[in-house]
């Protein structure tokens, strides 16, 4: 959308809860509930890092577990970015999983997004599923996609 404005774009200003809350405005409650829900899902957020290629601070939702042999493993699940009035979660799935994603109990809007998203990549085709989170009712889809991604281990 043309009116979308990315926040956290200054490499010199590290994101704080206060800066994030000010940028999110009315979506702050959804963001705080999102963070609480991640703990329940055993998903942790990586510290915010500035990425020069995207010219913004991003965080990554990760699933961490220990294998039966004691090795610590980490699987990135999604990328998180802050925008004026909302936040985005970006999931990347193999394009072959589109049908499986469509069969998940997701909202009609998310299913339409998945159906209409063009795959990316030349040899390894992947499907970017980017959700703009403005309210708490959208969180169920984020958690469902995160669980689906965790199951791909």
N, C-alpha and C. Protein backbone atom coordinates (compact mmCIF):
# COMPACT_ATOMS: atom_id res chain seq x y z
N UNK A 1 0.83 -1.18 0.00
CA UNK A 1 0.00 0.00 0.00
C UNK A 1 0.88 1.24 0.00
N UNK A 2 0.40 2.26 -0.64
CA UNK A 2 1.20 3.47 -0.81
C UNK A 2 1.43 4.23 0.50
N UNK A 3 0.47 4.19 1.41
CA UNK A 3 0.55 4.98 2.63
C UNK A 3 1.31 4.30 3.75
N UNK A 4 1.80 3.08 3.52
CA UNK A 4 2.53 2.37 4.55
C UNK A 4 3.87 3.03 4.78
N UNK A 5 4.21 3.23 6.05
CA UNK A 5 5.48 3.85 6.37
C UNK A 5 6.25 2.96 7.34
N UNK A 6 7.40 2.47 6.88
CA UNK A 6 8.25 1.65 7.74
C UNK A 6 8.84 2.53 8.83
N UNK A 7 8.90 1.98 10.03
CA UNK A 7 9.54 2.67 11.14
C UNK A 7 10.84 1.95 11.47
N UNK A 8 11.57 2.44 12.44
CA UNK A 8 12.83 1.84 12.87
C UNK A 8 13.82 1.76 11.71
N UNK A 9 13.97 2.87 11.00
CA UNK A 9 14.85 2.89 9.83
C UNK A 9 16.18 3.60 10.10
N UNK A 10 16.34 4.21 11.26
CA UNK A 10 17.59 4.91 11.59
C UNK A 10 18.55 3.94 12.25
N UNK A 11 19.69 3.66 11.61
CA UNK A 11 20.63 2.69 12.18
C UNK A 11 21.22 3.14 13.52
N UNK A 12 21.14 4.43 13.81
CA UNK A 12 21.71 4.97 15.05
C UNK A 12 20.74 4.88 16.24
N UNK A 13 19.46 4.61 15.97
CA UNK A 13 18.46 4.58 17.04
C UNK A 13 17.98 3.15 17.24
N UNK A 14 18.51 2.51 18.29
CA UNK A 14 18.13 1.14 18.59
C UNK A 14 16.69 1.11 19.12
N UNK A 15 15.87 0.17 18.63
CA UNK A 15 14.48 0.10 19.07
C UNK A 15 14.35 -0.16 20.57
N UNK A 16 13.44 0.56 21.18
CA UNK A 16 13.08 0.33 22.58
C UNK A 16 11.58 0.10 22.63
N UNK A 17 11.08 -0.42 23.74
CA UNK A 17 9.64 -0.63 23.88
C UNK A 17 8.88 0.67 23.72
N UNK A 18 9.44 1.76 24.23
CA UNK A 18 8.78 3.06 24.15
C UNK A 18 8.67 3.54 22.69
N UNK A 19 9.74 3.40 21.93
CA UNK A 19 9.75 3.80 20.52
C UNK A 19 8.77 2.94 19.72
N UNK A 20 8.78 1.64 19.99
CA UNK A 20 7.88 0.72 19.28
C UNK A 20 6.43 1.06 19.59
N UNK A 21 6.10 1.27 20.87
CA UNK A 21 4.72 1.59 21.27
C UNK A 21 4.25 2.89 20.62
N UNK A 22 5.14 3.89 20.56
CA UNK A 22 4.77 5.18 19.95
C UNK A 22 4.46 4.99 18.47
N UNK A 23 5.23 4.18 17.78
CA UNK A 23 5.02 3.95 16.35
C UNK A 23 3.78 3.13 16.06
N UNK A 24 3.50 2.16 16.91
CA UNK A 24 2.35 1.28 16.69
C UNK A 24 1.02 1.95 17.00
N UNK A 25 1.03 2.90 17.93
CA UNK A 25 -0.21 3.57 18.30
C UNK A 25 -1.26 2.58 18.77
N UNK A 26 -2.41 2.55 18.10
CA UNK A 26 -3.52 1.70 18.48
C UNK A 26 -3.23 0.21 18.36
N UNK A 27 -2.19 -0.17 17.64
CA UNK A 27 -1.85 -1.58 17.49
C UNK A 27 -0.92 -2.06 18.61
N UNK A 28 -0.63 -1.20 19.58
CA UNK A 28 0.27 -1.58 20.68
C UNK A 28 -0.28 -2.75 21.49
N UNK A 29 -1.59 -2.75 21.75
CA UNK A 29 -2.18 -3.85 22.53
C UNK A 29 -2.02 -5.16 21.77
N UNK A 30 -2.25 -5.14 20.47
CA UNK A 30 -2.09 -6.36 19.67
C UNK A 30 -0.63 -6.82 19.71
N UNK A 31 0.31 -5.89 19.65
CA UNK A 31 1.73 -6.23 19.69
C UNK A 31 2.10 -6.86 21.04
N UNK A 32 1.62 -6.27 22.12
CA UNK A 32 1.93 -6.81 23.45
C UNK A 32 1.33 -8.20 23.63
N UNK A 33 0.11 -8.41 23.14
CA UNK A 33 -0.50 -9.74 23.20
C UNK A 33 0.23 -10.72 22.30
N UNK A 34 0.72 -10.24 21.18
CA UNK A 34 1.52 -11.05 20.26
C UNK A 34 2.77 -11.57 20.99
N UNK A 35 3.47 -10.67 21.69
CA UNK A 35 4.68 -11.06 22.41
C UNK A 35 4.36 -12.08 23.50
N UNK A 36 3.27 -11.88 24.22
CA UNK A 36 2.87 -12.83 25.26
C UNK A 36 2.54 -14.19 24.65
N UNK A 37 1.86 -14.18 23.53
CA UNK A 37 1.49 -15.42 22.86
C UNK A 37 2.69 -16.19 22.34
N UNK A 38 3.74 -15.50 21.98
CA UNK A 38 4.95 -16.18 21.51
C UNK A 38 5.55 -17.03 22.62
N UNK A 39 5.54 -16.51 23.83
CA UNK A 39 6.07 -17.27 24.96
C UNK A 39 5.31 -18.57 25.15
N UNK A 40 4.00 -18.52 25.00
CA UNK A 40 3.15 -19.71 25.13
C UNK A 40 3.49 -20.71 24.03
N UNK A 41 3.86 -20.22 22.86
CA UNK A 41 4.16 -21.07 21.70
C UNK A 41 5.62 -21.56 21.69
N UNK A 42 6.38 -21.23 22.72
CA UNK A 42 7.82 -21.57 22.77
C UNK A 42 8.59 -20.93 21.62
N UNK A 43 8.23 -19.70 21.29
CA UNK A 43 8.92 -18.95 20.25
C UNK A 43 9.58 -17.75 20.91
N UNK A 44 10.83 -17.53 20.58
CA UNK A 44 11.52 -16.37 21.15
C UNK A 44 11.85 -15.39 20.03
N UNK A 45 11.92 -14.12 20.41
CA UNK A 45 12.32 -13.09 19.45
C UNK A 45 13.79 -12.81 19.61
N UNK A 46 14.50 -12.80 18.51
CA UNK A 46 15.89 -12.42 18.50
C UNK A 46 15.98 -10.93 18.80
N UNK A 47 17.11 -10.49 19.32
CA UNK A 47 17.29 -9.05 19.53
C UNK A 47 17.15 -8.33 18.20
N UNK A 48 16.69 -7.08 18.28
CA UNK A 48 16.56 -6.27 17.07
C UNK A 48 17.94 -6.05 16.46
N UNK A 49 18.02 -6.19 15.13
CA UNK A 49 19.26 -5.94 14.40
C UNK A 49 18.94 -5.04 13.21
N UNK A 50 19.89 -4.17 12.90
CA UNK A 50 19.73 -3.30 11.74
C UNK A 50 20.28 -4.03 10.52
N UNK A 51 19.48 -4.10 9.46
CA UNK A 51 19.88 -4.76 8.22
C UNK A 51 20.03 -3.70 7.13
N UNK A 52 21.25 -3.59 6.60
CA UNK A 52 21.52 -2.60 5.57
C UNK A 52 20.74 -2.85 4.28
N UNK A 53 20.52 -4.12 3.93
CA UNK A 53 19.82 -4.40 2.67
C UNK A 53 18.38 -3.90 2.72
N UNK A 54 17.73 -3.96 3.87
CA UNK A 54 16.36 -3.47 3.99
C UNK A 54 16.27 -2.08 4.61
N UNK A 55 17.42 -1.58 5.06
CA UNK A 55 17.49 -0.25 5.70
C UNK A 55 16.49 -0.12 6.85
N UNK A 56 16.42 -1.16 7.70
CA UNK A 56 15.51 -1.12 8.84
C UNK A 56 15.96 -2.10 9.91
N UNK A 57 15.48 -1.87 11.11
CA UNK A 57 15.67 -2.79 12.22
C UNK A 57 14.63 -3.89 12.10
N UNK A 58 15.07 -5.14 12.20
CA UNK A 58 14.17 -6.29 12.14
C UNK A 58 14.47 -7.23 13.30
N UNK A 59 13.48 -8.00 13.66
CA UNK A 59 13.67 -9.07 14.63
C UNK A 59 13.19 -10.35 13.97
N UNK A 60 13.61 -11.46 14.53
CA UNK A 60 13.28 -12.75 13.94
C UNK A 60 12.65 -13.62 15.02
N UNK A 61 11.52 -14.24 14.70
CA UNK A 61 10.91 -15.20 15.60
C UNK A 61 11.58 -16.55 15.39
N UNK A 62 12.06 -17.14 16.47
CA UNK A 62 12.81 -18.39 16.36
C UNK A 62 12.24 -19.46 17.30
N UNK A 63 12.33 -20.68 16.85
CA UNK A 63 11.99 -21.83 17.68
C UNK A 63 13.29 -22.52 18.03
N UNK A 64 13.53 -22.69 19.33
CA UNK A 64 14.76 -23.32 19.80
C UNK A 64 14.40 -24.61 20.52
N UNK A 65 15.16 -25.67 20.24
CA UNK A 65 14.92 -26.94 20.91
C UNK A 65 16.22 -27.71 21.04
N UNK A 66 16.18 -28.74 21.86
CA UNK A 66 17.34 -29.60 22.06
C UNK A 66 17.00 -30.97 21.51
N UNK A 67 17.91 -31.51 20.69
CA UNK A 67 17.68 -32.84 20.09
C UNK A 67 17.86 -33.91 21.16
N UNK A 68 17.42 -35.13 20.87
CA UNK A 68 17.60 -36.23 21.83
C UNK A 68 19.08 -36.46 22.20
N UNK A 69 19.98 -36.09 21.32
CA UNK A 69 21.42 -36.26 21.60
C UNK A 69 22.02 -35.05 22.31
N UNK A 70 21.20 -34.05 22.59
CA UNK A 70 21.67 -32.91 23.36
C UNK A 70 22.15 -31.71 22.55
N UNK A 71 22.00 -31.76 21.24
CA UNK A 71 22.42 -30.61 20.41
C UNK A 71 21.34 -29.54 20.45
N UNK A 72 21.76 -28.29 20.57
CA UNK A 72 20.82 -27.16 20.55
C UNK A 72 20.57 -26.75 19.11
N UNK A 73 19.32 -26.64 18.74
CA UNK A 73 18.94 -26.27 17.38
C UNK A 73 18.08 -25.02 17.41
N UNK A 74 18.14 -24.26 16.30
CA UNK A 74 17.34 -23.05 16.16
C UNK A 74 16.76 -23.04 14.75
N UNK A 75 15.44 -22.77 14.66
CA UNK A 75 14.80 -22.65 13.35
C UNK A 75 14.13 -21.28 13.28
N UNK A 76 14.54 -20.44 12.31
CA UNK A 76 13.84 -19.17 12.12
C UNK A 76 12.43 -19.43 11.59
N UNK A 77 11.45 -18.76 12.19
CA UNK A 77 10.06 -18.96 11.77
C UNK A 77 9.52 -17.79 10.96
N UNK A 78 9.84 -16.56 11.39
CA UNK A 78 9.33 -15.38 10.69
C UNK A 78 10.21 -14.18 10.99
N UNK A 79 10.04 -13.14 10.17
CA UNK A 79 10.69 -11.84 10.39
C UNK A 79 9.64 -10.88 10.89
N UNK A 80 10.04 -9.97 11.75
CA UNK A 80 9.14 -8.99 12.34
C UNK A 80 9.64 -7.59 12.03
N UNK A 81 8.75 -6.73 11.57
CA UNK A 81 9.10 -5.33 11.32
C UNK A 81 7.97 -4.44 11.85
N UNK A 82 8.33 -3.21 12.20
CA UNK A 82 7.39 -2.26 12.78
C UNK A 82 7.07 -1.18 11.75
N UNK A 83 5.80 -0.90 11.58
CA UNK A 83 5.32 0.09 10.63
C UNK A 83 4.43 1.08 11.37
N UNK A 84 4.15 2.19 10.76
CA UNK A 84 3.32 3.21 11.40
C UNK A 84 1.89 2.67 11.56
N UNK A 85 1.51 2.36 12.81
CA UNK A 85 0.17 1.89 13.10
C UNK A 85 -0.04 0.39 13.05
N UNK A 86 0.99 -0.39 12.71
CA UNK A 86 0.86 -1.86 12.67
C UNK A 86 2.25 -2.49 12.62
N UNK A 87 2.27 -3.81 12.73
CA UNK A 87 3.54 -4.53 12.56
C UNK A 87 3.33 -5.66 11.55
N UNK A 88 4.43 -6.09 10.96
CA UNK A 88 4.36 -7.14 9.93
C UNK A 88 5.11 -8.36 10.40
N UNK A 89 4.55 -9.52 10.08
CA UNK A 89 5.27 -10.77 10.22
C UNK A 89 5.41 -11.35 8.82
N UNK A 90 6.61 -11.75 8.47
CA UNK A 90 6.87 -12.30 7.14
C UNK A 90 7.37 -13.74 7.29
N UNK A 91 6.58 -14.67 6.78
CA UNK A 91 6.92 -16.09 6.78
C UNK A 91 7.35 -16.46 5.36
N UNK A 92 8.27 -17.40 5.26
CA UNK A 92 8.71 -17.89 3.95
C UNK A 92 8.60 -19.41 3.94
N UNK A 93 7.75 -19.91 3.05
CA UNK A 93 7.49 -21.35 2.94
C UNK A 93 7.90 -21.82 1.55
N UNK A 94 8.20 -23.10 1.45
CA UNK A 94 8.40 -23.70 0.13
C UNK A 94 7.10 -23.55 -0.65
N UNK A 95 7.20 -23.20 -1.91
CA UNK A 95 6.02 -23.00 -2.75
C UNK A 95 5.18 -24.28 -2.83
N UNK A 96 5.84 -25.43 -2.66
CA UNK A 96 5.14 -26.72 -2.71
C UNK A 96 4.12 -26.87 -1.58
N UNK A 97 4.26 -26.05 -0.52
CA UNK A 97 3.38 -26.16 0.64
C UNK A 97 2.12 -25.30 0.53
N UNK A 98 1.94 -24.63 -0.59
CA UNK A 98 0.79 -23.72 -0.73
C UNK A 98 -0.53 -24.44 -0.42
N UNK A 99 -0.72 -25.62 -0.97
CA UNK A 99 -1.95 -26.38 -0.73
C UNK A 99 -2.14 -26.72 0.74
N UNK A 100 -1.06 -27.13 1.41
CA UNK A 100 -1.13 -27.44 2.83
C UNK A 100 -1.48 -26.19 3.64
N UNK A 101 -0.91 -25.04 3.24
CA UNK A 101 -1.22 -23.78 3.93
C UNK A 101 -2.69 -23.43 3.75
N UNK A 102 -3.23 -23.65 2.56
CA UNK A 102 -4.63 -23.33 2.27
C UNK A 102 -5.58 -24.20 3.09
N UNK A 103 -5.11 -25.40 3.50
CA UNK A 103 -5.96 -26.31 4.26
C UNK A 103 -5.93 -26.02 5.77
N UNK A 104 -5.08 -25.11 6.21
CA UNK A 104 -5.04 -24.76 7.63
C UNK A 104 -6.30 -23.96 8.00
N UNK A 105 -6.71 -24.01 9.27
CA UNK A 105 -7.88 -23.23 9.69
C UNK A 105 -7.52 -21.75 9.89
N UNK A 106 -7.27 -21.07 8.78
CA UNK A 106 -6.88 -19.66 8.78
C UNK A 106 -8.08 -18.80 8.40
N UNK A 107 -7.96 -17.50 8.63
CA UNK A 107 -9.02 -16.58 8.23
C UNK A 107 -9.14 -16.54 6.71
N UNK A 108 -10.29 -16.13 6.24
CA UNK A 108 -10.54 -16.01 4.81
C UNK A 108 -9.51 -15.08 4.17
N UNK A 109 -9.21 -13.96 4.85
CA UNK A 109 -8.26 -12.97 4.32
C UNK A 109 -6.87 -13.58 4.13
N UNK A 110 -6.42 -14.36 5.11
CA UNK A 110 -5.09 -14.97 5.01
C UNK A 110 -5.06 -16.04 3.93
N UNK A 111 -6.13 -16.81 3.81
CA UNK A 111 -6.19 -17.82 2.75
C UNK A 111 -6.15 -17.16 1.37
N UNK A 112 -6.85 -16.03 1.22
CA UNK A 112 -6.82 -15.30 -0.06
C UNK A 112 -5.42 -14.76 -0.33
N UNK A 113 -4.76 -14.26 0.71
CA UNK A 113 -3.39 -13.77 0.56
C UNK A 113 -2.47 -14.89 0.07
N UNK A 114 -2.59 -16.05 0.68
CA UNK A 114 -1.75 -17.20 0.28
C UNK A 114 -2.06 -17.60 -1.16
N UNK A 115 -3.34 -17.63 -1.52
CA UNK A 115 -3.73 -18.02 -2.88
C UNK A 115 -3.21 -17.05 -3.93
N UNK A 116 -3.15 -15.76 -3.58
CA UNK A 116 -2.77 -14.74 -4.56
C UNK A 116 -1.30 -14.34 -4.53
N UNK A 117 -0.53 -14.88 -3.60
CA UNK A 117 0.88 -14.51 -3.50
C UNK A 117 1.68 -15.20 -4.60
N UNK A 118 2.49 -14.42 -5.27
CA UNK A 118 3.36 -14.95 -6.33
C UNK A 118 4.61 -15.55 -5.68
N UNK A 119 5.04 -16.74 -6.13
CA UNK A 119 6.26 -17.32 -5.58
C UNK A 119 7.49 -16.51 -5.98
N UNK A 120 8.54 -16.62 -5.18
CA UNK A 120 9.80 -15.92 -5.44
C UNK A 120 10.90 -16.96 -5.63
N UNK A 121 12.01 -16.52 -6.20
CA UNK A 121 13.15 -17.41 -6.40
C UNK A 121 13.11 -18.07 -7.76
N UNK A 122 14.28 -18.47 -8.24
CA UNK A 122 14.36 -19.10 -9.56
C UNK A 122 14.44 -20.62 -9.45
N UNK A 123 15.39 -21.12 -8.68
CA UNK A 123 15.51 -22.56 -8.56
C UNK A 123 14.77 -23.07 -7.33
N UNK A 124 14.95 -22.41 -6.20
CA UNK A 124 14.23 -22.75 -4.98
C UNK A 124 13.03 -21.80 -4.90
N UNK A 125 11.86 -22.26 -5.25
CA UNK A 125 10.66 -21.43 -5.24
C UNK A 125 10.12 -21.34 -3.82
N UNK A 126 9.95 -20.13 -3.31
CA UNK A 126 9.38 -19.98 -1.98
C UNK A 126 8.24 -18.98 -2.02
N UNK A 127 7.37 -19.12 -1.05
CA UNK A 127 6.15 -18.35 -0.96
C UNK A 127 6.24 -17.39 0.23
N UNK A 128 6.31 -16.08 -0.02
CA UNK A 128 6.32 -15.14 1.10
C UNK A 128 4.89 -14.87 1.58
N UNK A 129 4.64 -15.09 2.85
CA UNK A 129 3.33 -14.82 3.43
C UNK A 129 3.54 -13.70 4.46
N UNK A 130 3.15 -12.49 4.08
CA UNK A 130 3.39 -11.30 4.90
C UNK A 130 2.05 -10.80 5.43
N UNK A 131 1.93 -10.82 6.77
CA UNK A 131 0.71 -10.37 7.41
C UNK A 131 0.91 -9.01 8.06
N UNK A 132 0.01 -8.07 7.77
CA UNK A 132 0.00 -6.76 8.42
C UNK A 132 -0.92 -6.87 9.63
N UNK A 133 -0.34 -6.81 10.82
CA UNK A 133 -1.11 -7.03 12.04
C UNK A 133 -1.52 -5.69 12.64
N UNK A 134 -2.83 -5.45 12.63
CA UNK A 134 -3.37 -4.20 13.17
C UNK A 134 -4.25 -4.45 14.39
N UNK A 135 -4.72 -5.69 14.55
CA UNK A 135 -5.60 -5.99 15.68
C UNK A 135 -5.33 -7.40 16.20
N UNK A 136 -5.82 -7.64 17.41
CA UNK A 136 -5.59 -8.92 18.08
C UNK A 136 -6.25 -10.09 17.36
N UNK A 137 -7.33 -9.84 16.62
CA UNK A 137 -8.03 -10.94 15.96
C UNK A 137 -7.15 -11.61 14.89
N UNK A 138 -6.11 -10.93 14.42
CA UNK A 138 -5.23 -11.49 13.40
C UNK A 138 -4.15 -12.40 13.99
N UNK A 139 -3.99 -12.37 15.31
CA UNK A 139 -2.90 -13.13 15.93
C UNK A 139 -3.06 -14.64 15.78
N UNK A 140 -4.30 -15.13 15.74
CA UNK A 140 -4.52 -16.56 15.59
C UNK A 140 -3.85 -17.08 14.31
N UNK A 141 -3.93 -16.31 13.23
CA UNK A 141 -3.29 -16.72 11.97
C UNK A 141 -1.77 -16.75 12.10
N UNK A 142 -1.21 -15.76 12.79
CA UNK A 142 0.25 -15.73 12.99
C UNK A 142 0.69 -16.98 13.74
N UNK A 143 0.00 -17.28 14.83
CA UNK A 143 0.37 -18.46 15.63
C UNK A 143 0.18 -19.75 14.84
N UNK A 144 -0.87 -19.82 14.03
CA UNK A 144 -1.12 -21.02 13.23
C UNK A 144 0.01 -21.21 12.20
N UNK A 145 0.42 -20.14 11.54
CA UNK A 145 1.51 -20.23 10.57
C UNK A 145 2.82 -20.58 11.25
N UNK A 146 3.06 -20.04 12.45
CA UNK A 146 4.28 -20.35 13.19
C UNK A 146 4.30 -21.84 13.57
N UNK A 147 3.16 -22.36 14.02
CA UNK A 147 3.09 -23.79 14.38
C UNK A 147 3.32 -24.66 13.15
N UNK A 148 2.75 -24.25 12.02
CA UNK A 148 2.93 -25.00 10.79
C UNK A 148 4.42 -25.01 10.40
N UNK A 149 5.07 -23.85 10.52
CA UNK A 149 6.50 -23.75 10.20
C UNK A 149 7.33 -24.63 11.14
N UNK A 150 6.98 -24.62 12.43
CA UNK A 150 7.69 -25.46 13.40
C UNK A 150 7.56 -26.94 13.01
N UNK A 151 6.39 -27.33 12.52
CA UNK A 151 6.15 -28.73 12.15
C UNK A 151 6.96 -29.16 10.94
N UNK A 152 7.55 -28.20 10.20
CA UNK A 152 8.34 -28.53 9.02
C UNK A 152 9.76 -28.95 9.36
N UNK A 153 10.07 -29.07 10.64
CA UNK A 153 11.44 -29.44 11.07
C UNK A 153 11.69 -30.90 10.75
